[in-house]
N, C-alpha and C. Protein backbone atom coordinates (compact mmCIF):
# COMPACT_ATOMS: atom_id res chain seq x y z
N MET A 1 3.53 -16.39 11.97
CA MET A 1 3.23 -14.99 12.26
C MET A 1 3.48 -14.75 13.74
N THR A 2 3.58 -13.49 14.08
CA THR A 2 3.79 -13.13 15.47
C THR A 2 2.48 -13.23 16.23
N ALA A 3 2.55 -13.02 17.53
CA ALA A 3 1.36 -13.05 18.37
C ALA A 3 0.40 -11.93 17.97
N SER A 4 -0.82 -12.00 18.47
CA SER A 4 -1.81 -10.97 18.19
C SER A 4 -1.31 -9.61 18.65
N PHE A 5 -1.78 -8.56 17.99
CA PHE A 5 -1.37 -7.21 18.35
C PHE A 5 -2.45 -6.23 17.97
N VAL A 6 -2.42 -5.06 18.60
CA VAL A 6 -3.33 -3.96 18.29
C VAL A 6 -2.49 -2.69 18.22
N HIS A 7 -2.72 -1.88 17.18
CA HIS A 7 -1.98 -0.62 17.02
C HIS A 7 -2.93 0.49 16.66
N LYS A 8 -2.62 1.69 17.10
CA LYS A 8 -3.32 2.88 16.64
C LYS A 8 -2.56 3.33 15.39
N VAL A 9 -3.07 2.93 14.23
CA VAL A 9 -2.36 3.06 12.96
C VAL A 9 -1.98 4.51 12.66
N ALA A 10 -2.86 5.44 12.96
CA ALA A 10 -2.60 6.85 12.65
C ALA A 10 -1.38 7.39 13.40
N ASP A 11 -1.05 6.80 14.55
CA ASP A 11 0.04 7.31 15.38
C ASP A 11 1.37 6.57 15.19
N LEU A 12 1.39 5.51 14.42
CA LEU A 12 2.63 4.75 14.25
C LEU A 12 3.67 5.56 13.48
N GLU A 13 4.90 5.50 13.94
CA GLU A 13 6.01 6.14 13.21
C GLU A 13 6.49 5.17 12.15
N LEU A 14 6.51 5.65 10.91
CA LEU A 14 6.95 4.82 9.80
C LEU A 14 8.38 5.21 9.41
N GLU A 15 9.04 4.31 8.72
CA GLU A 15 10.42 4.56 8.29
C GLU A 15 10.45 4.76 6.77
N PRO A 16 11.34 5.63 6.28
CA PRO A 16 11.44 5.83 4.83
C PRO A 16 11.67 4.50 4.11
N ALA A 17 11.02 4.36 2.95
CA ALA A 17 11.16 3.15 2.15
C ALA A 17 11.51 3.58 0.72
N PRO A 18 12.25 2.75 0.00
CA PRO A 18 12.65 3.13 -1.36
C PRO A 18 11.45 3.18 -2.30
N LEU A 19 11.51 4.12 -3.24
CA LEU A 19 10.54 4.22 -4.32
C LEU A 19 11.34 4.34 -5.61
N ASP A 20 11.18 3.38 -6.50
CA ASP A 20 11.92 3.38 -7.77
C ASP A 20 11.57 4.66 -8.53
N PRO A 21 12.56 5.52 -8.82
CA PRO A 21 12.28 6.77 -9.52
C PRO A 21 11.63 6.56 -10.89
N ASP A 22 11.84 5.39 -11.50
CA ASP A 22 11.22 5.11 -12.80
C ASP A 22 9.71 4.93 -12.70
N THR A 23 9.18 4.75 -11.47
CA THR A 23 7.74 4.58 -11.30
C THR A 23 7.02 5.92 -11.08
N VAL A 24 7.78 6.99 -10.86
CA VAL A 24 7.18 8.30 -10.58
C VAL A 24 6.86 8.99 -11.90
N LEU A 25 5.57 9.34 -12.08
CA LEU A 25 5.12 10.00 -13.30
C LEU A 25 4.97 11.50 -13.10
N GLU A 26 4.61 11.94 -11.88
CA GLU A 26 4.46 13.37 -11.57
C GLU A 26 4.81 13.60 -10.11
N GLY A 27 5.36 14.78 -9.83
CA GLY A 27 5.64 15.17 -8.46
C GLY A 27 6.86 14.48 -7.89
N SER A 28 6.96 14.54 -6.56
CA SER A 28 8.08 13.92 -5.84
C SER A 28 7.55 13.12 -4.66
N PRO A 29 6.72 12.10 -4.92
CA PRO A 29 6.16 11.34 -3.81
C PRO A 29 7.24 10.61 -3.02
N GLU A 30 6.98 10.48 -1.73
CA GLU A 30 7.88 9.74 -0.83
C GLU A 30 7.07 8.66 -0.14
N VAL A 31 7.71 7.51 0.05
CA VAL A 31 7.06 6.36 0.66
C VAL A 31 7.70 6.08 2.01
N SER A 32 6.86 5.67 2.96
CA SER A 32 7.35 5.18 4.25
C SER A 32 6.49 4.00 4.65
N GLU A 33 7.04 3.15 5.52
CA GLU A 33 6.30 1.95 5.92
C GLU A 33 6.80 1.41 7.24
N LEU A 34 6.02 0.51 7.78
CA LEU A 34 6.40 -0.21 8.99
C LEU A 34 5.85 -1.62 8.85
N VAL A 35 6.73 -2.62 8.81
CA VAL A 35 6.30 -4.01 8.76
C VAL A 35 5.95 -4.42 10.19
N LEU A 36 4.73 -4.93 10.36
CA LEU A 36 4.26 -5.31 11.70
C LEU A 36 4.45 -6.80 11.97
N ALA A 37 4.35 -7.62 10.92
CA ALA A 37 4.48 -9.06 11.10
C ALA A 37 4.84 -9.71 9.77
N THR A 38 5.64 -10.77 9.86
CA THR A 38 6.00 -11.56 8.69
C THR A 38 5.85 -13.03 9.08
N SER A 39 5.26 -13.83 8.19
CA SER A 39 5.10 -15.25 8.47
C SER A 39 6.47 -15.92 8.53
N GLU A 40 6.52 -17.07 9.17
CA GLU A 40 7.78 -17.79 9.32
C GLU A 40 8.41 -18.12 7.97
N ASP A 41 7.58 -18.41 6.97
CA ASP A 41 8.13 -18.74 5.66
C ASP A 41 8.35 -17.50 4.78
N GLY A 42 8.03 -16.32 5.31
CA GLY A 42 8.25 -15.07 4.59
C GLY A 42 7.24 -14.76 3.51
N ARG A 43 6.22 -15.61 3.35
CA ARG A 43 5.23 -15.42 2.28
C ARG A 43 4.17 -14.37 2.59
N VAL A 44 3.91 -14.12 3.87
CA VAL A 44 2.87 -13.17 4.26
C VAL A 44 3.50 -12.03 5.04
N VAL A 45 3.23 -10.81 4.60
CA VAL A 45 3.76 -9.62 5.27
C VAL A 45 2.59 -8.71 5.58
N ARG A 46 2.53 -8.21 6.82
CA ARG A 46 1.50 -7.28 7.25
C ARG A 46 2.17 -6.00 7.72
N GLY A 47 1.56 -4.87 7.40
CA GLY A 47 2.17 -3.62 7.84
C GLY A 47 1.34 -2.41 7.53
N VAL A 48 2.00 -1.26 7.66
CA VAL A 48 1.40 0.04 7.39
C VAL A 48 2.28 0.71 6.34
N TRP A 49 1.66 1.35 5.35
CA TRP A 49 2.38 1.95 4.23
C TRP A 49 1.80 3.32 3.96
N GLN A 50 2.64 4.25 3.57
CA GLN A 50 2.20 5.62 3.33
C GLN A 50 2.92 6.21 2.12
N ILE A 51 2.19 7.06 1.36
CA ILE A 51 2.79 7.76 0.22
C ILE A 51 2.28 9.20 0.21
N THR A 52 3.20 10.13 -0.09
CA THR A 52 2.84 11.55 -0.18
C THR A 52 2.35 11.85 -1.60
N PRO A 53 1.77 13.04 -1.83
CA PRO A 53 1.17 13.34 -3.13
C PRO A 53 2.12 13.19 -4.32
N GLY A 54 1.52 12.77 -5.43
CA GLY A 54 2.21 12.58 -6.69
C GLY A 54 1.46 11.55 -7.51
N VAL A 55 2.04 11.17 -8.64
CA VAL A 55 1.45 10.15 -9.49
C VAL A 55 2.51 9.07 -9.72
N VAL A 56 2.14 7.83 -9.45
CA VAL A 56 3.07 6.71 -9.60
C VAL A 56 2.38 5.57 -10.35
N ARG A 57 3.21 4.79 -11.03
CA ARG A 57 2.70 3.56 -11.63
C ARG A 57 3.24 2.40 -10.81
N ASP A 58 2.53 1.30 -10.85
CA ASP A 58 2.89 0.19 -9.98
C ASP A 58 2.50 -1.13 -10.64
N VAL A 59 3.27 -2.17 -10.36
CA VAL A 59 2.88 -3.54 -10.66
C VAL A 59 2.50 -4.13 -9.32
N GLU A 60 1.26 -4.54 -9.21
CA GLU A 60 0.71 -4.94 -7.92
C GLU A 60 1.16 -6.33 -7.48
N ALA A 61 1.04 -6.55 -6.17
CA ALA A 61 1.23 -7.86 -5.56
C ALA A 61 -0.16 -8.35 -5.13
N ASP A 62 -0.27 -9.62 -4.70
CA ASP A 62 -1.53 -10.07 -4.10
C ASP A 62 -1.63 -9.38 -2.75
N GLU A 63 -2.58 -8.45 -2.66
CA GLU A 63 -2.65 -7.59 -1.48
C GLU A 63 -4.08 -7.33 -1.07
N LEU A 64 -4.31 -7.39 0.22
CA LEU A 64 -5.54 -6.94 0.85
C LEU A 64 -5.17 -5.68 1.62
N PHE A 65 -5.94 -4.58 1.44
CA PHE A 65 -5.57 -3.34 2.12
C PHE A 65 -6.80 -2.57 2.57
N VAL A 66 -6.57 -1.72 3.57
CA VAL A 66 -7.59 -0.79 4.06
C VAL A 66 -6.93 0.57 4.17
N VAL A 67 -7.50 1.57 3.48
CA VAL A 67 -6.99 2.94 3.54
C VAL A 67 -7.55 3.58 4.80
N VAL A 68 -6.68 4.16 5.62
CA VAL A 68 -7.12 4.78 6.87
C VAL A 68 -7.11 6.30 6.80
N SER A 69 -6.37 6.87 5.84
CA SER A 69 -6.39 8.32 5.66
C SER A 69 -5.84 8.65 4.29
N GLY A 70 -6.22 9.82 3.79
CA GLY A 70 -5.68 10.28 2.53
C GLY A 70 -6.72 10.41 1.45
N ARG A 71 -6.25 10.82 0.28
CA ARG A 71 -7.13 11.05 -0.85
C ARG A 71 -6.39 10.66 -2.12
N SER A 72 -6.99 9.77 -2.90
CA SER A 72 -6.36 9.33 -4.14
C SER A 72 -7.41 8.81 -5.10
N ASP A 73 -6.98 8.57 -6.32
CA ASP A 73 -7.79 7.83 -7.27
C ASP A 73 -6.86 7.09 -8.20
N GLY A 74 -7.43 6.14 -8.89
CA GLY A 74 -6.63 5.38 -9.83
C GLY A 74 -6.62 3.91 -9.52
N GLY A 75 -5.67 3.26 -10.10
CA GLY A 75 -5.55 1.83 -9.91
C GLY A 75 -6.49 1.04 -10.79
N GLY A 76 -7.43 1.74 -11.43
CA GLY A 76 -8.36 1.04 -12.30
C GLY A 76 -9.27 0.08 -11.57
N ARG A 77 -9.42 0.24 -10.27
CA ARG A 77 -10.19 -0.71 -9.48
C ARG A 77 -11.52 -0.14 -9.01
N GLY A 78 -11.71 1.18 -9.12
CA GLY A 78 -12.96 1.78 -8.70
C GLY A 78 -13.18 1.81 -7.20
N TRP A 79 -12.14 1.53 -6.40
CA TRP A 79 -12.33 1.52 -4.95
C TRP A 79 -12.38 2.92 -4.37
N ALA A 80 -11.90 3.91 -5.11
CA ALA A 80 -11.98 5.30 -4.63
C ALA A 80 -12.42 6.17 -5.80
N ASP A 81 -13.48 6.93 -5.60
CA ASP A 81 -13.92 7.84 -6.65
C ASP A 81 -12.85 8.89 -6.86
N PRO A 82 -12.67 9.37 -8.10
CA PRO A 82 -11.65 10.38 -8.35
C PRO A 82 -11.77 11.57 -7.41
N GLY A 83 -10.68 11.85 -6.71
CA GLY A 83 -10.64 12.99 -5.80
C GLY A 83 -11.38 12.78 -4.49
N ALA A 84 -11.99 11.64 -4.30
CA ALA A 84 -12.76 11.41 -3.06
C ALA A 84 -11.82 11.04 -1.93
N ARG A 85 -12.24 11.35 -0.72
CA ARG A 85 -11.48 10.93 0.44
C ARG A 85 -11.62 9.42 0.55
N ALA A 86 -10.51 8.74 0.56
CA ALA A 86 -10.53 7.28 0.52
C ALA A 86 -10.59 6.71 1.94
N ARG A 87 -11.64 6.03 2.26
CA ARG A 87 -11.78 5.35 3.54
C ARG A 87 -12.34 3.97 3.26
N GLY A 88 -11.65 3.26 2.42
CA GLY A 88 -12.13 1.96 2.02
C GLY A 88 -10.98 1.00 1.92
N GLY A 89 -11.16 0.00 1.14
CA GLY A 89 -10.11 -0.97 0.98
C GLY A 89 -10.33 -1.74 -0.28
N GLY A 90 -9.51 -2.74 -0.47
CA GLY A 90 -9.66 -3.52 -1.67
C GLY A 90 -8.71 -4.70 -1.69
N VAL A 91 -8.79 -5.39 -2.81
CA VAL A 91 -7.93 -6.53 -3.06
C VAL A 91 -7.27 -6.30 -4.41
N LEU A 92 -5.96 -6.42 -4.45
CA LEU A 92 -5.19 -6.27 -5.68
C LEU A 92 -4.63 -7.64 -6.06
N ARG A 93 -4.50 -7.89 -7.35
CA ARG A 93 -3.97 -9.17 -7.83
C ARG A 93 -2.55 -9.00 -8.33
N ALA A 94 -1.72 -9.97 -8.06
CA ALA A 94 -0.32 -9.94 -8.51
C ALA A 94 -0.26 -9.78 -10.02
N GLY A 95 0.62 -8.87 -10.46
CA GLY A 95 0.83 -8.66 -11.88
C GLY A 95 -0.02 -7.56 -12.49
N ASP A 96 -1.10 -7.15 -11.83
CA ASP A 96 -1.91 -6.05 -12.35
C ASP A 96 -1.05 -4.80 -12.41
N ARG A 97 -1.26 -3.99 -13.43
CA ARG A 97 -0.55 -2.72 -13.58
C ARG A 97 -1.53 -1.60 -13.29
N ALA A 98 -1.06 -0.57 -12.58
CA ALA A 98 -1.95 0.51 -12.18
C ALA A 98 -1.20 1.84 -12.17
N VAL A 99 -1.94 2.93 -12.31
CA VAL A 99 -1.42 4.28 -12.11
C VAL A 99 -2.26 4.89 -10.99
N TRP A 100 -1.58 5.38 -9.96
CA TRP A 100 -2.23 5.95 -8.78
C TRP A 100 -1.93 7.44 -8.69
N ARG A 101 -2.96 8.26 -8.56
CA ARG A 101 -2.80 9.71 -8.35
C ARG A 101 -3.13 9.98 -6.88
N ILE A 102 -2.11 10.35 -6.12
CA ILE A 102 -2.26 10.62 -4.69
C ILE A 102 -2.44 12.12 -4.51
N HIS A 103 -3.63 12.53 -4.06
CA HIS A 103 -3.94 13.94 -3.87
C HIS A 103 -3.54 14.43 -2.48
N GLU A 104 -3.66 13.56 -1.51
CA GLU A 104 -3.37 13.89 -0.10
C GLU A 104 -2.70 12.66 0.49
N THR A 105 -1.66 12.86 1.29
CA THR A 105 -0.89 11.74 1.83
C THR A 105 -1.81 10.60 2.23
N LEU A 106 -1.54 9.42 1.68
CA LEU A 106 -2.38 8.25 1.88
C LEU A 106 -1.67 7.24 2.78
N ARG A 107 -2.40 6.74 3.75
CA ARG A 107 -1.87 5.72 4.66
C ARG A 107 -2.80 4.53 4.62
N LYS A 108 -2.22 3.34 4.49
CA LYS A 108 -3.02 2.12 4.45
C LYS A 108 -2.40 1.04 5.31
N VAL A 109 -3.24 0.11 5.73
CA VAL A 109 -2.81 -1.12 6.39
C VAL A 109 -2.90 -2.19 5.32
N PHE A 110 -1.90 -3.07 5.25
CA PHE A 110 -1.88 -4.05 4.17
C PHE A 110 -1.49 -5.43 4.64
N GLN A 111 -1.88 -6.41 3.83
CA GLN A 111 -1.35 -7.76 3.94
C GLN A 111 -1.03 -8.22 2.53
N ILE A 112 0.24 -8.54 2.30
CA ILE A 112 0.69 -9.04 1.00
C ILE A 112 1.01 -10.53 1.17
N THR A 113 0.52 -11.32 0.21
CA THR A 113 0.76 -12.76 0.23
C THR A 113 1.48 -13.15 -1.04
N GLU A 114 2.68 -13.69 -0.90
CA GLU A 114 3.46 -14.15 -2.06
C GLU A 114 2.91 -15.51 -2.49
N ALA A 115 2.93 -15.75 -3.79
CA ALA A 115 2.49 -17.04 -4.31
C ALA A 115 3.42 -18.14 -3.83
N HIS A 116 2.86 -19.29 -3.57
CA HIS A 116 3.67 -20.44 -3.17
C HIS A 116 4.23 -21.11 -4.41
N GLU A 117 5.54 -21.26 -4.44
CA GLU A 117 6.21 -21.91 -5.58
C GLU A 117 5.99 -23.41 -5.47
N PRO A 118 5.44 -24.05 -6.50
CA PRO A 118 5.25 -25.51 -6.44
C PRO A 118 6.61 -26.22 -6.45
N GLY A 119 6.63 -27.32 -5.76
CA GLY A 119 7.74 -28.10 -5.92
C GLY A 119 8.71 -28.55 -5.05
């Protein structure tokens, strides 16, 4: 990983990121992100991710995240009450399937960890 760092997450400029159109169930959500650090072996990625309003389905990765702004519900995880302003976080497991309804542009800080392949 890179050296220690501190960022004001709300002010970071993010870059457009692809969103598979087959995952969009309602609306025209757009995704943007900024990768802040990647481990030397590429297994751990840390960054900031954002999505505009809409409904999307997703197959999750092993992820630890903290929502810093926005409003959403879904994911089947109970981390955000329906329609509530999300200021929390959670842990997602690789392979879980979820549907997320984004009511207000959501921004989160994340760490995704890829499984280590034996062998």
